[in-house]
Protein backbone atom coordinates (compact mmCIF):
# COMPACT_ATOMS: atom_id res chain seq x y z
CA MET A 1 10.36 -51.74 -16.90
CA THR A 2 13.09 -53.18 -14.24
CA VAL A 3 12.83 -56.12 -12.25
CA ALA A 4 11.78 -54.24 -9.27
CA GLU A 5 8.83 -52.79 -11.25
CA LEU A 6 7.72 -55.95 -12.64
CA ARG A 7 7.64 -57.39 -8.89
CA GLU A 8 5.20 -54.68 -7.80
CA VAL A 9 3.05 -54.91 -11.25
CA VAL A 10 3.00 -58.93 -10.66
CA TRP A 11 2.32 -58.76 -7.21
CA THR A 12 -0.86 -56.16 -7.80
CA GLN A 13 -2.23 -58.43 -10.61
CA ASN A 14 -2.22 -61.28 -8.29
CA LEU A 15 -3.97 -59.35 -5.92
CA ARG A 16 -6.40 -58.23 -8.38
CA LEU A 17 -7.29 -62.28 -8.85
CA TRP A 18 -7.74 -62.68 -5.42
CA GLU A 19 -9.98 -59.18 -5.28
CA ALA A 20 -12.19 -60.20 -8.05
CA GLY A 21 -13.01 -63.35 -6.44
CA VAL A 22 -11.92 -65.67 -9.30
CA VAL A 23 -9.53 -67.67 -7.26
CA THR A 24 -10.00 -69.68 -4.26
CA LEU A 25 -7.32 -70.41 -1.39
CA THR A 26 -4.06 -70.38 -3.57
CA TRP A 27 -5.57 -71.65 -6.46
CA GLY A 28 -4.19 -69.17 -9.14
CA ASN A 29 -1.30 -67.37 -10.36
CA VAL A 30 -0.22 -64.48 -12.54
CA SER A 31 3.14 -63.85 -14.15
CA GLY A 32 4.78 -61.19 -16.20
CA LEU A 33 7.49 -61.19 -18.83
CA LEU A 34 10.39 -58.55 -18.46
CA PRO A 35 10.66 -56.39 -21.72
CA ASP A 36 13.73 -57.98 -23.19
CA ARG A 37 11.77 -61.42 -22.67
CA SER A 38 14.90 -62.64 -20.78
CA ALA A 39 12.73 -63.84 -17.48
CA MET A 40 9.51 -63.88 -15.79
CA ILE A 41 8.06 -62.96 -12.41
CA ILE A 42 5.56 -65.32 -11.08
CA LYS A 43 3.64 -66.00 -7.70
CA PRO A 44 5.33 -68.43 -5.52
CA SER A 45 3.71 -71.91 -4.89
CA GLY A 46 0.88 -72.30 -2.35
CA VAL A 47 1.25 -68.66 -0.66
CA PRO A 48 -1.91 -66.99 0.28
CA TYR A 49 -2.90 -63.86 -1.25
CA ALA A 50 -3.42 -62.30 2.27
CA ASP A 51 0.19 -63.01 3.06
CA LEU A 52 1.61 -62.17 -0.57
CA HIS A 53 4.34 -59.30 -0.65
CA PRO A 54 6.23 -58.29 -4.09
CA GLU A 55 9.25 -59.74 -2.43
CA HIS A 56 7.76 -63.25 -2.76
CA LEU A 57 7.88 -63.16 -6.14
CA VAL A 58 10.16 -65.29 -8.21
CA LEU A 59 12.36 -64.36 -11.15
CA VAL A 60 12.57 -67.10 -13.46
CA ASP A 61 14.64 -67.44 -16.47
CA LEU A 62 12.96 -68.88 -19.82
CA ASP A 63 14.22 -72.44 -19.31
CA GLY A 64 12.89 -72.46 -15.80
CA SER A 65 15.99 -71.73 -13.81
CA VAL A 66 15.34 -69.69 -10.79
CA LEU A 67 17.20 -66.48 -10.70
CA ASP A 68 16.16 -64.64 -7.75
CA GLY A 69 13.91 -65.21 -4.82
CA ASN A 70 13.88 -67.58 -1.77
CA LEU A 71 10.30 -69.43 -2.73
CA ARG A 72 9.39 -71.98 -4.92
CA PRO A 73 8.21 -70.46 -7.97
CA SER A 74 4.19 -71.80 -8.90
CA SER A 75 3.74 -75.45 -10.00
CA ASP A 76 2.69 -73.79 -13.13
CA THR A 77 5.31 -72.00 -14.12
CA ALA A 78 6.27 -74.63 -16.92
CA THR A 79 3.14 -73.71 -18.41
CA HIS A 80 3.48 -69.92 -18.36
CA LEU A 81 6.92 -70.43 -19.98
CA GLU A 82 5.94 -72.49 -22.71
CA ILE A 83 3.37 -69.72 -23.76
CA TYR A 84 5.86 -67.25 -23.55
CA ARG A 85 8.36 -69.28 -25.84
CA SER A 86 5.35 -69.93 -28.20
CA PHE A 87 3.25 -66.58 -28.61
CA PRO A 88 5.87 -63.87 -28.90
CA THR A 89 3.26 -61.15 -28.60
CA VAL A 90 2.20 -62.22 -24.81
CA GLY A 91 4.07 -60.42 -21.68
CA GLY A 92 1.29 -61.72 -19.06
CA VAL A 93 -0.27 -65.20 -18.34
CA ALA A 94 -2.89 -65.57 -15.83
CA HIS A 95 -4.42 -68.75 -14.52
CA SER A 96 -7.09 -69.34 -11.93
CA HIS A 97 -9.64 -72.29 -11.26
CA SER A 98 -12.67 -69.87 -11.37
CA PRO A 99 -15.82 -71.81 -11.15
CA CYS A 100 -17.63 -70.83 -14.03
CA ALA A 101 -14.78 -71.32 -16.56
CA VAL A 102 -13.76 -74.43 -14.53
CA SER A 103 -16.98 -76.02 -15.27
CA TRP A 104 -17.00 -75.68 -19.07
CA ALA A 105 -13.53 -76.99 -18.83
CA GLN A 106 -14.25 -80.00 -16.98
CA GLY A 107 -17.46 -80.27 -19.26
CA ARG A 108 -14.72 -80.52 -22.31
CA ARG A 109 -16.61 -77.62 -24.20
CA GLU A 110 -15.50 -74.88 -25.84
CA ILE A 111 -17.65 -71.51 -24.84
CA PRO A 112 -19.49 -70.64 -27.39
CA CYS A 113 -20.01 -66.54 -28.27
CA PHE A 114 -23.76 -65.82 -27.72
CA GLY A 115 -23.22 -62.25 -27.55
CA THR A 116 -21.58 -58.69 -27.30
CA THR A 117 -20.09 -58.92 -23.76
CA HIS A 118 -17.80 -61.84 -24.98
CA ALA A 119 -17.20 -60.29 -28.25
CA ASP A 120 -15.49 -57.35 -26.28
CA HIS A 121 -12.52 -59.85 -25.15
CA PHE A 122 -12.64 -62.94 -27.41
CA CYS A 123 -13.12 -62.57 -31.03
CA GLY A 124 -14.85 -65.99 -31.38
CA PRO A 125 -15.42 -69.05 -28.77
CA VAL A 126 -13.04 -69.98 -26.36
CA PRO A 127 -11.73 -72.95 -27.27
CA VAL A 128 -11.07 -76.05 -25.11
CA THR A 129 -7.74 -78.34 -25.16
CA ARG A 130 -7.82 -81.81 -26.15
CA PRO A 131 -6.93 -83.89 -22.80
CA LEU A 132 -3.50 -84.70 -21.84
CA THR A 133 -2.29 -88.44 -22.72
CA ALA A 134 -0.81 -90.41 -19.87
CA ALA A 135 2.26 -90.34 -21.22
CA GLU A 136 2.31 -86.56 -21.31
CA VAL A 137 1.45 -86.50 -17.74
CA GLU A 138 4.07 -88.92 -16.93
CA THR A 139 6.72 -87.21 -18.71
CA ASP A 140 6.54 -83.30 -17.89
CA TYR A 141 3.00 -82.44 -16.90
CA GLU A 142 3.09 -78.87 -16.40
CA ARG A 143 5.13 -78.23 -19.69
CA GLU A 144 3.21 -80.47 -21.57
CA THR A 145 0.16 -78.51 -20.56
CA GLY A 146 1.55 -75.22 -22.06
CA ARG A 147 2.19 -77.41 -25.49
CA VAL A 148 -1.65 -78.60 -25.51
CA ILE A 149 -2.43 -74.99 -25.05
CA VAL A 150 0.00 -74.06 -28.18
CA GLU A 151 -1.21 -76.89 -30.20
CA CYS A 152 -4.81 -75.67 -29.73
CA PHE A 153 -3.88 -72.27 -31.57
CA ALA A 154 -2.22 -73.94 -34.53
CA ASP A 155 -4.72 -72.47 -36.91
CA ALA A 156 -6.33 -70.05 -34.55
CA ASP A 157 -4.92 -66.34 -33.39
CA PRO A 158 -3.99 -65.89 -29.48
CA VAL A 159 -4.11 -62.47 -29.98
CA ALA A 160 -7.68 -62.36 -31.10
CA VAL A 161 -8.59 -65.29 -28.52
CA PRO A 162 -6.70 -64.38 -25.42
CA GLY A 163 -7.46 -67.20 -23.32
CA VAL A 164 -8.35 -71.34 -23.49
CA LEU A 165 -9.75 -74.09 -21.36
CA VAL A 166 -7.61 -76.74 -20.48
CA ALA A 167 -9.74 -79.70 -20.27
CA GLY A 168 -10.27 -81.05 -17.38
CA HIS A 169 -8.40 -78.40 -15.72
CA GLY A 170 -9.04 -74.62 -16.15
CA PRO A 171 -8.63 -71.45 -17.89
CA PHE A 172 -5.46 -70.04 -18.73
CA THR A 173 -5.05 -66.29 -20.49
CA TRP A 174 -2.76 -64.06 -21.28
CA GLY A 175 -2.26 -60.63 -23.16
CA ALA A 176 0.38 -57.81 -23.64
CA ASP A 177 1.19 -57.59 -19.84
CA ALA A 178 0.09 -58.99 -16.76
CA ALA A 179 -2.67 -56.64 -16.50
CA ALA A 180 -4.30 -57.51 -19.61
CA ALA A 181 -3.79 -61.41 -18.77
CA THR A 182 -5.66 -60.51 -15.46
CA ASP A 183 -8.58 -58.58 -17.40
CA ASN A 184 -9.22 -61.45 -19.65
CA THR A 185 -8.85 -64.07 -16.74
CA ILE A 186 -11.61 -61.92 -14.84
CA ALA A 187 -14.11 -61.51 -18.43
CA LEU A 188 -13.61 -65.08 -18.88
CA GLU A 189 -15.27 -65.82 -15.72
CA ALA A 190 -17.83 -63.47 -16.24
CA ILE A 191 -18.28 -64.82 -20.17
CA ALA A 192 -18.51 -68.31 -18.88
CA GLU A 193 -21.38 -67.32 -16.18
CA MET A 194 -23.53 -65.62 -18.88
CA ALA A 195 -23.31 -68.44 -21.25
CA PHE A 196 -24.54 -71.01 -18.84
CA GLY A 197 -27.40 -68.48 -18.05
CA THR A 198 -27.97 -68.02 -21.61
CA MET A 199 -28.26 -71.92 -22.05
CA LYS A 200 -30.61 -71.90 -19.16
CA ALA A 201 -32.83 -69.30 -20.67
CA ASN A 202 -32.93 -70.73 -24.07
CA PRO A 203 -31.04 -74.32 -24.87
CA GLU A 204 -31.11 -73.43 -28.67
CA ALA A 205 -29.75 -70.28 -28.44
CA PRO A 206 -28.15 -68.92 -31.57
CA THR A 207 -24.49 -67.67 -31.40
CA LEU A 208 -24.09 -63.80 -31.86
CA GLU A 209 -24.13 -62.71 -35.69
CA ARG A 210 -20.55 -62.80 -37.32
CA HIS A 211 -20.46 -59.37 -38.23
CA VAL A 212 -21.90 -58.23 -34.72
CA LEU A 213 -19.09 -60.06 -33.24
CA ASP A 214 -16.59 -58.61 -35.67
CA LYS A 215 -17.49 -54.98 -35.12
CA HIS A 216 -17.68 -55.47 -30.93
CA TYR A 217 -14.14 -56.82 -31.47
CA GLN A 218 -12.80 -54.30 -33.80
CA ARG A 219 -13.96 -51.42 -32.36
CA LYS A 220 -12.07 -52.48 -29.09
CA HIS A 221 -8.95 -53.70 -30.61
CA GLY A 222 -8.71 -53.02 -34.25
CA ALA A 223 -6.47 -50.67 -35.79
CA ASP A 224 -9.26 -48.05 -35.97
CA ALA A 225 -10.59 -48.90 -32.09
CA TYR A 226 -12.72 -45.90 -30.84
CA TYR A 227 -13.67 -47.81 -27.57
CA GLY A 228 -12.16 -45.58 -24.83
CA GLN A 229 -10.23 -42.50 -24.65
CA SER A 230 -7.08 -42.22 -26.48
CA ASP A 231 -3.58 -41.16 -25.40
CA ASP A 232 -3.57 -37.69 -27.50
């Protein structure tokens, strides 16, 4: 994939966040990584989605240097880069401030897996990070945000659970490419809302049985997945 092609892809996925209603004003961004993992393309900071065009997106190398673009990249650039550097299977990252997911993040609570809709995208609860310390915020806030995300997955699989709630902040999701990352942000907001509804319907609701959770995740993402259509 060329830089020009990736620009189009990342632009399209940013618009998908907006069209799906999971971003308000300019509160969100999607990035995509070049196949050789040398650089990413990301939404520029503070540009309204209605005014966004592919040429506005910014090419940034993995050290954070702007390689191409006349606008400042997203203020979350360093967070995206930390995820790419730490999770070698990730080719796209998305971030939003969608209301239900943010509510869980502000409540400092993971999202339990109550049902199969959740299990189709996340093989277990969506975790919440620890809060950043004052020193981390003062030193390099956005990069430290990425580091607490990575820390949260020290004993977890970022492929099986492709998203996280940053305490007091909001959700970040990722995937093999920008489209998958966007899918996971949209799914995360939906399951966050469903989890609220579940707890309202039954405050003592049990989480989904593990054998059902695994079945739903594996039939969509496992080695012998049979959800959807084959490429043959």
